[in-house]
């Protein structure tokens, strides 16, 4: 940094590249999950429990060995343990399961864009909590989000849905889950950091769900291609993507990183269209950009 606290060009470029890699991996992993669901016969249950357990343990191992953090300290505080369990089961598992269920019943492009309704849901919640009317920018963002969702799920026709009811249900629910996932663990993140909080959240969510659907209860086609796809979802779409995103925050501001992460739904949409031949017409593209634009509008607000 220079004397005024500005970020120097080269480190800034490194931060931008890192967050773009993270967002792209997140988007691509959603499309790869769609391939596993639709063409290899995998289930949401198995992929979610596998991803959570292996990714969570991987993040904790990295935190303990490379980050030199004591990953067990969080268990000494009863209040933190309760919050961590709630975050792991409702927040982490909730956001993972609803997102993959939306992909399984629909496609990665629509599921990822619908999940990006979360910032609007957060803005509405904060207005209700503060018992204040939304600002002008927030009203515009809400209007754009509703308009974009309408185009995305109907292709502009009021007479029918362009996606299935379950896909719409899980997609909207994933946005609410992401809003909770974003707002709830604030005190845990400030006290224990993101690696420990997210690592334990994933591990707790995965272990908790394994009592309902054990990871050894597998269904689908097991071959080299599907194996590599699972590895990509777990390693590149979770571990490496998360590490790149957190590393980028050393070089750019969090608000800038969150905006650049909008590459995620775009990469998911482009890859789904190009690789899996998902039909995405003009209405869906306009709807997608309308929803994504709400992030830029809300980020411009000082609130």
C-alpha atoms as a PDB file:
ATOM      1  CA  UNK A   1       0.000   0.000   0.000  1.00  0.00           C
ATOM      2  CA  UNK A   2       1.068   3.624  -0.508  1.00  0.00           C
ATOM      3  CA  UNK A   3       0.983   6.403   2.062  1.00  0.00           C
ATOM      4  CA  UNK A   4      -2.728   7.076   1.406  1.00  0.00           C
ATOM      5  CA  UNK A   5      -3.732   3.467   2.048  1.00  0.00           C
ATOM      6  CA  UNK A   6      -4.566   2.696  -1.571  1.00  0.00           C
ATOM      7  CA  UNK A   7      -3.915  -0.798  -2.883  1.00  0.00           C
ATOM      8  CA  UNK A   8      -0.963  -0.931  -5.285  1.00  0.00           C
ATOM      9  CA  UNK A   9      -1.702  -2.062  -8.892  1.00  0.00           C
ATOM     10  CA  UNK A  10      -0.034  -5.498  -9.019  1.00  0.00           C
ATOM     11  CA  UNK A  11      -1.346  -6.875  -5.708  1.00  0.00           C
ATOM     12  CA  UNK A  12      -4.763  -5.499  -6.711  1.00  0.00           C
ATOM     13  CA  UNK A  13      -4.602  -7.345 -10.017  1.00  0.00           C
ATOM     14  CA  UNK A  14      -3.693 -10.515  -8.118  1.00  0.00           C
ATOM     15  CA  UNK A  15      -6.743 -10.095  -5.894  1.00  0.00           C
ATOM     16  CA  UNK A  16      -9.036  -9.577  -8.883  1.00  0.00           C
ATOM     17  CA  UNK A  17      -7.658 -12.679 -10.602  1.00  0.00           C
ATOM     18  CA  UNK A  18      -8.082 -14.775  -7.451  1.00  0.00           C
ATOM     19  CA  UNK A  19     -11.732 -13.814  -6.922  1.00  0.00           C
ATOM     20  CA  UNK A  20     -12.512 -14.373 -10.605  1.00  0.00           C
ATOM     21  CA  UNK A  21     -10.979 -17.863 -10.368  1.00  0.00           C
ATOM     22  CA  UNK A  22     -13.071 -18.578  -7.263  1.00  0.00           C
ATOM     23  CA  UNK A  23     -16.317 -17.366  -8.826  1.00  0.00           C
ATOM     24  CA  UNK A  24     -15.654 -19.262 -12.044  1.00  0.00           C
ATOM     25  CA  UNK A  25     -14.937 -22.493 -10.155  1.00  0.00           C
ATOM     26  CA  UNK A  26     -18.152 -22.033  -8.154  1.00  0.00           C
ATOM     27  CA  UNK A  27     -20.172 -21.509 -11.312  1.00  0.00           C
ATOM     28  CA  UNK A  28     -18.538 -24.396 -13.178  1.00  0.00           C
ATOM     29  CA  UNK A  29     -19.021 -26.757 -10.215  1.00  0.00           C
ATOM     30  CA  UNK A  30     -22.765 -26.106 -10.368  1.00  0.00           C
ATOM     31  CA  UNK A  31     -22.827 -27.120 -14.024  1.00  0.00           C
ATOM     32  CA  UNK A  32     -20.683 -30.178 -13.281  1.00  0.00           C
ATOM     33  CA  UNK A  33     -23.195 -31.102 -10.543  1.00  0.00           C
ATOM     34  CA  UNK A  34     -25.964 -30.835 -13.142  1.00  0.00           C
ATOM     35  CA  UNK A  35     -24.033 -33.271 -15.334  1.00  0.00           C
ATOM     36  CA  UNK A  36     -23.779 -35.717 -12.412  1.00  0.00           C
ATOM     37  CA  UNK A  37     -27.496 -35.435 -11.634  1.00  0.00           C
ATOM     38  CA  UNK A  38     -28.913 -35.554 -15.149  1.00  0.00           C
ATOM     39  CA  UNK A  39     -26.460 -37.751 -17.027  1.00  0.00           C
ATOM     40  CA  UNK A  40     -24.805 -39.945 -14.389  1.00  0.00           C
ATOM     41  CA  UNK A  41     -27.792 -40.597 -12.110  1.00  0.00           C
ATOM     42  CA  UNK A  42     -26.317 -39.095  -8.940  1.00  0.00           C
ATOM     43  CA  UNK A  43     -28.548 -37.854  -6.119  1.00  0.00           C
ATOM     44  CA  UNK A  44     -28.495 -34.519  -4.332  1.00  0.00           C
ATOM     45  CA  UNK A  45     -28.305 -36.346  -0.987  1.00  0.00           C
ATOM     46  CA  UNK A  46     -25.075 -38.187  -1.780  1.00  0.00           C
ATOM     47  CA  UNK A  47     -23.290 -35.277  -3.458  1.00  0.00           C
ATOM     48  CA  UNK A  48     -24.165 -32.850  -0.656  1.00  0.00           C
ATOM     49  CA  UNK A  49     -23.087 -35.117   2.212  1.00  0.00           C
ATOM     50  CA  UNK A  50     -19.865 -36.060   0.385  1.00  0.00           C
ATOM     51  CA  UNK A  51     -19.004 -32.489  -0.514  1.00  0.00           C
ATOM     52  CA  UNK A  52     -19.652 -31.170   2.995  1.00  0.00           C
ATOM     53  CA  UNK A  53     -17.654 -33.830   4.841  1.00  0.00           C
ATOM     54  CA  UNK A  54     -14.595 -33.886   2.574  1.00  0.00           C
ATOM     55  CA  UNK A  55     -14.512 -30.115   1.989  1.00  0.00           C
ATOM     56  CA  UNK A  56     -15.049 -29.347   5.672  1.00  0.00           C
ATOM     57  CA  UNK A  57     -12.303 -31.687   6.798  1.00  0.00           C
ATOM     58  CA  UNK A  58     -10.023 -30.313   4.086  1.00  0.00           C
ATOM     59  CA  UNK A  59     -10.530 -26.720   5.256  1.00  0.00           C
ATOM     60  CA  UNK A  60      -9.920 -27.697   8.887  1.00  0.00           C
ATOM     61  CA  UNK A  61      -6.757 -29.601   7.936  1.00  0.00           C
ATOM     62  CA  UNK A  62      -5.509 -26.581   5.976  1.00  0.00           C
ATOM     63  CA  UNK A  63      -6.333 -24.261   8.870  1.00  0.00           C
ATOM     64  CA  UNK A  64      -4.495 -26.472  11.376  1.00  0.00           C
ATOM     65  CA  UNK A  65      -1.384 -27.227   9.297  1.00  0.00           C
ATOM     66  CA  UNK A  66      -0.851 -24.217   7.049  1.00  0.00           C
ATOM     67  CA  UNK A  67      -2.749 -21.550   8.977  1.00  0.00           C
ATOM     68  CA  UNK A  68      -1.320 -22.772  12.327  1.00  0.00           C
ATOM     69  CA  UNK A  69      -4.725 -22.291  13.991  1.00  0.00           C
ATOM     70  CA  UNK A  70      -6.073 -24.389  16.832  1.00  0.00           C
ATOM     71  CA  UNK A  71      -9.254 -25.748  15.266  1.00  0.00           C
ATOM     72  CA  UNK A  72     -10.461 -27.243  18.589  1.00  0.00           C
ATOM     73  CA  UNK A  73     -10.544 -23.977  20.559  1.00  0.00           C
ATOM     74  CA  UNK A  74     -14.025 -23.129  19.304  1.00  0.00           C
ATOM     75  CA  UNK A  75     -15.438 -26.112  21.223  1.00  0.00           C
ATOM     76  CA  UNK A  76     -14.444 -24.629  24.586  1.00  0.00           C
ATOM     77  CA  UNK A  77     -17.135 -21.948  24.477  1.00  0.00           C
ATOM     78  CA  UNK A  78     -20.685 -23.294  24.911  1.00  0.00           C
ATOM     79  CA  UNK A  79     -22.370 -20.339  23.231  1.00  0.00           C
ATOM     80  CA  UNK A  80     -20.058 -20.576  20.222  1.00  0.00           C
ATOM     81  CA  UNK A  81     -20.673 -24.330  19.982  1.00  0.00           C
ATOM     82  CA  UNK A  82     -24.443 -23.803  19.854  1.00  0.00           C
ATOM     83  CA  UNK A  83     -24.101 -21.094  17.196  1.00  0.00           C
ATOM     84  CA  UNK A  84     -21.698 -23.264  15.210  1.00  0.00           C
ATOM     85  CA  UNK A  85     -24.095 -26.221  15.232  1.00  0.00           C
ATOM     86  CA  UNK A  86     -26.983 -23.996  14.109  1.00  0.00           C
ATOM     87  CA  UNK A  87     -24.805 -22.515  11.385  1.00  0.00           C
ATOM     88  CA  UNK A  88     -23.612 -25.949  10.249  1.00  0.00           C
ATOM     89  CA  UNK A  89     -27.033 -27.568  10.068  1.00  0.00           C
ATOM     90  CA  UNK A  90     -29.322 -24.709   9.005  1.00  0.00           C
ATOM     91  CA  UNK A  91     -26.859 -22.388   7.275  1.00  0.00           C
ATOM     92  CA  UNK A  92     -24.184 -24.526   5.657  1.00  0.00           C
ATOM     93  CA  UNK A  93     -26.192 -27.677   4.998  1.00  0.00           C
ATOM     94  CA  UNK A  94     -29.262 -25.608   4.109  1.00  0.00           C
ATOM     95  CA  UNK A  95     -27.548 -23.538   1.446  1.00  0.00           C
ATOM     96  CA  UNK A  96     -25.747 -26.542  -0.065  1.00  0.00           C
ATOM     97  CA  UNK A  97     -28.774 -28.827  -0.180  1.00  0.00           C
ATOM     98  CA  UNK A  98     -31.278 -26.303  -1.545  1.00  0.00           C
ATOM     99  CA  UNK A  99     -28.837 -25.176  -4.256  1.00  0.00           C
ATOM    100  CA  UNK A 100     -28.058 -28.701  -5.465  1.00  0.00           C
ATOM    101  CA  UNK A 101     -31.749 -29.689  -5.259  1.00  0.00           C
ATOM    102  CA  UNK A 102     -32.585 -26.709  -7.492  1.00  0.00           C
ATOM    103  CA  UNK A 103     -29.971 -27.926  -9.981  1.00  0.00           C
ATOM    104  CA  UNK A 104     -31.222 -31.519  -9.868  1.00  0.00           C
ATOM    105  CA  UNK A 105     -34.820 -30.452 -10.559  1.00  0.00           C
ATOM    106  CA  UNK A 106     -33.857 -27.739 -13.038  1.00  0.00           C
ATOM    107  CA  UNK A 107     -30.460 -26.590 -14.262  1.00  0.00           C
ATOM    108  CA  UNK A 108     -27.327 -24.929 -12.895  1.00  0.00           C
ATOM    109  CA  UNK A 109     -27.885 -21.629 -14.687  1.00  0.00           C
ATOM    110  CA  UNK A 110     -31.354 -20.970 -13.275  1.00  0.00           C
ATOM    111  CA  UNK A 111     -30.473 -22.307  -9.814  1.00  0.00           C
ATOM    112  CA  UNK A 112     -27.397 -20.086  -9.511  1.00  0.00           C
ATOM    113  CA  UNK A 113     -29.198 -16.942 -10.668  1.00  0.00           C
ATOM    114  CA  UNK A 114     -32.156 -17.561  -8.337  1.00  0.00           C
ATOM    115  CA  UNK A 115     -29.733 -17.944  -5.436  1.00  0.00           C
ATOM    116  CA  UNK A 116     -28.471 -14.435  -6.195  1.00  0.00           C
ATOM    117  CA  UNK A 117     -31.804 -13.081  -4.952  1.00  0.00           C
ATOM    118  CA  UNK A 118     -30.216 -13.370  -1.495  1.00  0.00           C
ATOM    119  CA  UNK A 119     -28.882  -9.772  -1.339  1.00  0.00           C
ATOM    120  CA  UNK A 120     -32.390  -8.425  -1.967  1.00  0.00           C
ATOM    121  CA  UNK A 121     -33.800 -10.719   0.745  1.00  0.00           C
ATOM    122  CA  UNK A 122     -31.098  -9.450   3.124  1.00  0.00           C
ATOM    123  CA  UNK A 123     -31.939  -5.825   2.283  1.00  0.00           C
ATOM    124  CA  UNK A 124     -35.656  -6.408   2.962  1.00  0.00           C
ATOM    125  CA  UNK A 125     -34.878  -8.208   6.236  1.00  0.00           C
ATOM    126  CA  UNK A 126     -32.634  -5.390   7.444  1.00  0.00           C
ATOM    127  CA  UNK A 127     -35.345  -2.827   6.649  1.00  0.00           C
ATOM    128  CA  UNK A 128     -37.927  -4.847   8.586  1.00  0.00           C
ATOM    129  CA  UNK A 129     -35.559  -5.276  11.530  1.00  0.00           C
ATOM    130  CA  UNK A 130     -34.811  -1.549  11.597  1.00  0.00           C
ATOM    131  CA  UNK A 131     -38.556  -0.803  11.161  1.00  0.00           C
ATOM    132  CA  UNK A 132     -37.721   1.589   8.344  1.00  0.00           C
ATOM    133  CA  UNK A 133     -38.917   1.991   4.805  1.00  0.00           C
ATOM    134  CA  UNK A 134     -36.516   0.809   2.098  1.00  0.00           C
ATOM    135  CA  UNK A 135     -34.393   3.445   0.400  1.00  0.00           C
ATOM    136  CA  UNK A 136     -34.970   4.369  -3.227  1.00  0.00           C
ATOM    137  CA  UNK A 137     -32.102   2.144  -4.409  1.00  0.00           C
ATOM    138  CA  UNK A 138     -33.483  -0.778  -2.431  1.00  0.00           C
ATOM    139  CA  UNK A 139     -36.938  -0.333  -3.976  1.00  0.00           C
ATOM    140  CA  UNK A 140     -35.360  -0.353  -7.441  1.00  0.00           C
ATOM    141  CA  UNK A 141     -33.357  -3.470  -6.563  1.00  0.00           C
ATOM    142  CA  UNK A 142     -36.473  -5.262  -5.296  1.00  0.00           C
ATOM    143  CA  UNK A 143     -38.374  -4.324  -8.444  1.00  0.00           C
ATOM    144  CA  UNK A 144     -35.564  -5.552 -10.685  1.00  0.00           C
ATOM    145  CA  UNK A 145     -35.275  -8.791  -8.699  1.00  0.00           C
ATOM    146  CA  UNK A 146     -39.000  -9.494  -9.065  1.00  0.00           C
ATOM    147  CA  UNK A 147     -38.924  -8.610 -12.759  1.00  0.00           C
ATOM    148  CA  UNK A 148     -35.836 -10.736 -13.363  1.00  0.00           C
ATOM    149  CA  UNK A 149     -37.307 -13.709 -11.502  1.00  0.00           C
ATOM    150  CA  UNK A 150     -40.523 -13.427 -13.523  1.00  0.00           C
ATOM    151  CA  UNK A 151     -38.608 -13.509 -16.820  1.00  0.00           C
ATOM    152  CA  UNK A 152     -36.326 -16.297 -15.640  1.00  0.00           C
ATOM    153  CA  UNK A 153     -39.093 -18.691 -14.621  1.00  0.00           C
ATOM    154  CA  UNK A 154     -41.757 -17.832 -17.222  1.00  0.00           C
ATOM    155  CA  UNK A 155     -39.796 -16.630 -20.306  1.00  0.00           C
ATOM    156  CA  UNK A 156     -42.100 -13.623 -20.207  1.00  0.00           C
ATOM    157  CA  UNK A 157     -45.344 -15.599 -20.465  1.00  0.00           C
ATOM    158  CA  UNK A 158     -47.869 -15.391 -17.616  1.00  0.00           C
ATOM    159  CA  UNK A 159     -49.538 -18.622 -18.686  1.00  0.00           C
ATOM    160  CA  UNK A 160     -46.813 -21.159 -17.868  1.00  0.00           C
ATOM    161  CA  UNK A 161     -43.552 -21.789 -16.025  1.00  0.00           C
ATOM    162  CA  UNK A 162     -40.392 -22.423 -18.020  1.00  0.00           C
ATOM    163  CA  UNK A 163     -38.938 -24.432 -15.116  1.00  0.00           C
ATOM    164  CA  UNK A 164     -40.528 -27.073 -12.909  1.00  0.00           C
ATOM    165  CA  UNK A 165     -42.287 -26.205  -9.665  1.00  0.00           C
ATOM    166  CA  UNK A 166     -39.699 -28.066  -7.542  1.00  0.00           C
ATOM    167  CA  UNK A 167     -36.838 -26.238  -9.322  1.00  0.00           C
ATOM    168  CA  UNK A 168     -38.469 -22.881  -8.559  1.00  0.00           C
ATOM    169  CA  UNK A 169     -39.213 -23.893  -4.954  1.00  0.00           C
ATOM    170  CA  UNK A 170     -35.657 -25.063  -4.216  1.00  0.00           C
ATOM    171  CA  UNK A 171     -34.138 -22.101  -6.084  1.00  0.00           C
ATOM    172  CA  UNK A 172     -36.076 -19.517  -4.045  1.00  0.00           C
ATOM    173  CA  UNK A 173     -35.398 -21.480  -0.858  1.00  0.00           C
ATOM    174  CA  UNK A 174     -31.664 -21.480  -1.667  1.00  0.00           C
ATOM    175  CA  UNK A 175     -31.764 -17.673  -1.789  1.00  0.00           C
ATOM    176  CA  UNK A 176     -33.307 -17.557   1.703  1.00  0.00           C
ATOM    177  CA  UNK A 177     -30.771 -20.134   2.898  1.00  0.00           C
ATOM    178  CA  UNK A 178     -27.924 -18.036   1.491  1.00  0.00           C
ATOM    179  CA  UNK A 179     -29.325 -14.943   3.235  1.00  0.00           C
ATOM    180  CA  UNK A 180     -29.313 -16.802   6.563  1.00  0.00           C
ATOM    181  CA  UNK A 181     -25.855 -18.225   5.817  1.00  0.00           C
ATOM    182  CA  UNK A 182     -24.607 -14.681   5.200  1.00  0.00           C
ATOM    183  CA  UNK A 183     -26.172 -12.927   8.192  1.00  0.00           C
ATOM    184  CA  UNK A 184     -26.028 -15.503  10.975  1.00  0.00           C
ATOM    185  CA  UNK A 185     -22.322 -16.358  11.568  1.00  0.00           C
ATOM    186  CA  UNK A 186     -21.058 -12.785  11.983  1.00  0.00           C
ATOM    187  CA  UNK A 187     -19.847 -13.227  15.568  1.00  0.00           C
ATOM    188  CA  UNK A 188     -18.241 -16.592  14.742  1.00  0.00           C
ATOM    189  CA  UNK A 189     -16.387 -15.144  11.764  1.00  0.00           C
ATOM    190  CA  UNK A 190     -15.076 -12.159  13.702  1.00  0.00           C
ATOM    191  CA  UNK A 191     -13.888 -14.365  16.580  1.00  0.00           C
ATOM    192  CA  UNK A 192     -12.617 -17.517  14.860  1.00  0.00           C
ATOM    193  CA  UNK A 193     -12.061 -16.533  11.240  1.00  0.00           C
ATOM    194  CA  UNK A 194     -13.568 -17.907   8.058  1.00  0.00           C
ATOM    195  CA  UNK A 195     -11.518 -21.104   7.688  1.00  0.00           C
ATOM    196  CA  UNK A 196     -12.447 -22.508  11.109  1.00  0.00           C
ATOM    197  CA  UNK A 197     -16.059 -21.299  10.966  1.00  0.00           C
ATOM    198  CA  UNK A 198     -16.774 -22.590   7.468  1.00  0.00           C
ATOM    199  CA  UNK A 199     -14.662 -25.721   7.957  1.00  0.00           C
ATOM    200  CA  UNK A 200     -16.556 -26.753  11.078  1.00  0.00           C
ATOM    201  CA  UNK A 201     -19.855 -25.623   9.557  1.00  0.00           C
ATOM    202  CA  UNK A 202     -19.343 -27.938   6.584  1.00  0.00           C
ATOM    203  CA  UNK A 203     -18.163 -30.820   8.762  1.00  0.00           C
ATOM    204  CA  UNK A 204     -21.076 -30.484  11.206  1.00  0.00           C
ATOM    205  CA  UNK A 205     -23.595 -30.173   8.386  1.00  0.00           C
ATOM    206  CA  UNK A 206     -22.134 -33.198   6.589  1.00  0.00           C
ATOM    207  CA  UNK A 207     -21.941 -35.398   9.676  1.00  0.00           C
ATOM    208  CA  UNK A 208     -25.445 -34.381  10.762  1.00  0.00           C
ATOM    209  CA  UNK A 209     -26.925 -35.216   7.354  1.00  0.00           C
ATOM    210  CA  UNK A 210     -24.999 -38.501   7.179  1.00  0.00           C
ATOM    211  CA  UNK A 211     -27.368 -39.870   9.849  1.00  0.00           C
ATOM    212  CA  UNK A 212     -30.185 -39.358   7.326  1.00  0.00           C
ATOM    213  CA  UNK A 213     -28.246 -40.245   4.185  1.00  0.00           C
ATOM    214  CA  UNK A 214     -24.877 -41.979   4.843  1.00  0.00           C
ATOM    215  CA  UNK A 215     -22.139 -41.182   2.307  1.00  0.00           C
ATOM    216  CA  UNK A 216     -21.729 -44.885   1.544  1.00  0.00           C
ATOM    217  CA  UNK A 217     -25.370 -45.033   0.355  1.00  0.00           C
ATOM    218  CA  UNK A 218     -24.427 -44.333  -3.242  1.00  0.00           C
ATOM    219  CA  UNK A 219     -26.471 -44.236  -6.418  1.00  0.00           C
ATOM    220  CA  UNK A 220     -25.357 -43.380  -9.926  1.00  0.00           C
ATOM    221  CA  UNK A 221     -22.818 -44.403 -12.516  1.00  0.00           C
ATOM    222  CA  UNK A 222     -19.270 -44.745 -11.162  1.00  0.00           C
ATOM    223  CA  UNK A 223     -16.675 -44.288 -13.909  1.00  0.00           C
ATOM    224  CA  UNK A 224     -13.585 -42.182 -14.561  1.00  0.00           C
ATOM    225  CA  UNK A 225     -15.572 -39.225 -15.902  1.00  0.00           C
ATOM    226  CA  UNK A 226     -18.003 -39.116 -12.993  1.00  0.00           C
ATOM    227  CA  UNK A 227     -15.142 -39.613 -10.514  1.00  0.00           C
ATOM    228  CA  UNK A 228     -13.286 -36.618 -11.967  1.00  0.00           C
ATOM    229  CA  UNK A 229     -16.507 -34.601 -11.870  1.00  0.00           C
ATOM    230  CA  UNK A 230     -16.968 -35.348  -8.144  1.00  0.00           C
ATOM    231  CA  UNK A 231     -13.330 -34.440  -7.491  1.00  0.00           C
ATOM    232  CA  UNK A 232     -13.838 -31.139  -9.309  1.00  0.00           C
ATOM    233  CA  UNK A 233     -16.942 -30.279  -7.240  1.00  0.00           C
ATOM    234  CA  UNK A 234     -15.190 -31.072  -3.949  1.00  0.00           C
ATOM    235  CA  UNK A 235     -11.638 -29.856  -4.632  1.00  0.00           C
ATOM    236  CA  UNK A 236     -11.916 -27.079  -7.221  1.00  0.00           C
ATOM    237  CA  UNK A 237     -15.520 -26.017  -6.675  1.00  0.00           C
ATOM    238  CA  UNK A 238     -15.160 -25.863  -2.897  1.00  0.00           C
ATOM    239  CA  UNK A 239     -11.658 -26.037  -1.396  1.00  0.00           C
ATOM    240  CA  UNK A 240      -9.663 -24.146  -4.028  1.00  0.00           C
ATOM    241  CA  UNK A 241     -12.507 -21.736  -4.810  1.00  0.00           C
ATOM    242  CA  UNK A 242     -12.950 -20.831  -1.156  1.00  0.00           C
ATOM    243  CA  UNK A 243      -9.207 -20.447  -0.617  1.00  0.00           C
ATOM    244  CA  UNK A 244      -8.863 -18.171  -3.680  1.00  0.00           C
ATOM    245  CA  UNK A 245     -11.769 -16.018  -2.552  1.00  0.00           C
ATOM    246  CA  UNK A 246     -10.433 -15.603   0.978  1.00  0.00           C
ATOM    247  CA  UNK A 247      -6.909 -14.964  -0.348  1.00  0.00           C
ATOM    248  CA  UNK A 248      -8.261 -12.246  -2.659  1.00  0.00           C
ATOM    249  CA  UNK A 249      -9.455 -10.274   0.383  1.00  0.00           C
ATOM    250  CA  UNK A 250      -5.805  -9.596   1.232  1.00  0.00           C
ATOM    251  CA  UNK A 251      -5.505  -7.471  -1.919  1.00  0.00           C
ATOM    252  CA  UNK A 252      -8.966  -6.032  -2.634  1.00  0.00           C
ATOM    253  CA  UNK A 253     -11.908  -4.851  -0.542  1.00  0.00           C
ATOM    254  CA  UNK A 254     -14.667  -7.268   0.439  1.00  0.00           C
ATOM    255  CA  UNK A 255     -17.266  -5.156  -1.404  1.00  0.00           C
ATOM    256  CA  UNK A 256     -15.224  -5.404  -4.602  1.00  0.00           C
ATOM    257  CA  UNK A 257     -14.787  -9.156  -4.170  1.00  0.00           C
ATOM    258  CA  UNK A 258     -18.530  -9.683  -3.750  1.00  0.00           C
ATOM    259  CA  UNK A 259     -19.217  -7.733  -6.944  1.00  0.00           C
ATOM    260  CA  UNK A 260     -16.616  -9.650  -8.943  1.00  0.00           C
ATOM    261  CA  UNK A 261     -18.151 -12.887  -7.643  1.00  0.00           C
ATOM    262  CA  UNK A 262     -21.092 -12.134  -9.950  1.00  0.00           C
ATOM    263  CA  UNK A 263     -19.052 -14.043 -12.523  1.00  0.00           C
ATOM    264  CA  UNK A 264     -20.412 -17.191 -10.820  1.00  0.00           C
ATOM    265  CA  UNK A 265     -23.972 -17.168 -12.235  1.00  0.00           C
ATOM    266  CA  UNK A 266     -22.694 -16.002 -15.616  1.00  0.00           C
ATOM    267  CA  UNK A 267     -20.113 -18.799 -15.850  1.00  0.00           C
ATOM    268  CA  UNK A 268     -22.752 -21.324 -14.767  1.00  0.00           C
ATOM    269  CA  UNK A 269     -25.166 -20.053 -17.407  1.00  0.00           C
ATOM    270  CA  UNK A 270     -22.645 -19.939 -20.266  1.00  0.00           C
ATOM    271  CA  UNK A 271     -21.265 -23.403 -19.491  1.00  0.00           C
ATOM    272  CA  UNK A 272     -24.728 -24.935 -19.083  1.00  0.00           C
ATOM    273  CA  UNK A 273     -25.732 -23.561 -22.477  1.00  0.00           C
ATOM    274  CA  UNK A 274     -22.489 -24.503 -24.254  1.00  0.00           C
ATOM    275  CA  UNK A 275     -21.837 -27.909 -22.647  1.00  0.00           C
ATOM    276  CA  UNK A 276     -25.173 -29.309 -21.488  1.00  0.00           C
ATOM    277  CA  UNK A 277     -27.238 -27.534 -24.164  1.00  0.00           C
ATOM    278  CA  UNK A 278     -29.574 -25.870 -21.677  1.00  0.00           C
ATOM    279  CA  UNK A 279     -32.070 -23.642 -23.477  1.00  0.00           C
ATOM    280  CA  UNK A 280     -31.509 -20.045 -22.382  1.00  0.00           C
ATOM    281  CA  UNK A 281     -33.381 -17.495 -24.477  1.00  0.00           C
ATOM    282  CA  UNK A 282     -33.480 -13.701 -24.485  1.00  0.00           C
ATOM    283  CA  UNK A 283     -35.989 -13.540 -21.617  1.00  0.00           C
ATOM    284  CA  UNK A 284     -33.786 -15.702 -19.374  1.00  0.00           C
ATOM    285  CA  UNK A 285     -30.688 -13.608 -20.137  1.00  0.00           C
ATOM    286  CA  UNK A 286     -32.536 -10.348 -19.455  1.00  0.00           C
ATOM    287  CA  UNK A 287     -33.937 -11.821 -16.240  1.00  0.00           C
ATOM    288  CA  UNK A 288     -30.500 -13.013 -15.151  1.00  0.00           C
ATOM    289  CA  UNK A 289     -28.841  -9.644 -15.730  1.00  0.00           C
ATOM    290  CA  UNK A 290     -31.751  -7.916 -13.935  1.00  0.00           C
ATOM    291  CA  UNK A 291     -31.178 -10.048 -10.832  1.00  0.00           C
ATOM    292  CA  UNK A 292     -27.395  -9.681 -10.957  1.00  0.00           C
ATOM    293  CA  UNK A 293     -27.693  -5.901 -11.383  1.00  0.00           C
ATOM    294  CA  UNK A 294     -29.389  -5.677  -7.976  1.00  0.00           C
ATOM    295  CA  UNK A 295     -26.046  -6.536  -6.366  1.00  0.00           C
ATOM    296  CA  UNK A 296     -24.407  -3.505  -7.991  1.00  0.00           C
ATOM    297  CA  UNK A 297     -27.314  -1.264  -6.979  1.00  0.00           C
ATOM    298  CA  UNK A 298     -27.309  -2.428  -3.362  1.00  0.00           C
ATOM    299  CA  UNK A 299     -23.525  -2.204  -3.097  1.00  0.00           C
ATOM    300  CA  UNK A 300     -23.693   1.439  -4.148  1.00  0.00           C
ATOM    301  CA  UNK A 301     -25.776   2.228  -1.074  1.00  0.00           C
ATOM    302  CA  UNK A 302     -23.792   3.440   1.923  1.00  0.00           C
ATOM    303  CA  UNK A 303     -26.160   1.497   4.167  1.00  0.00           C
END
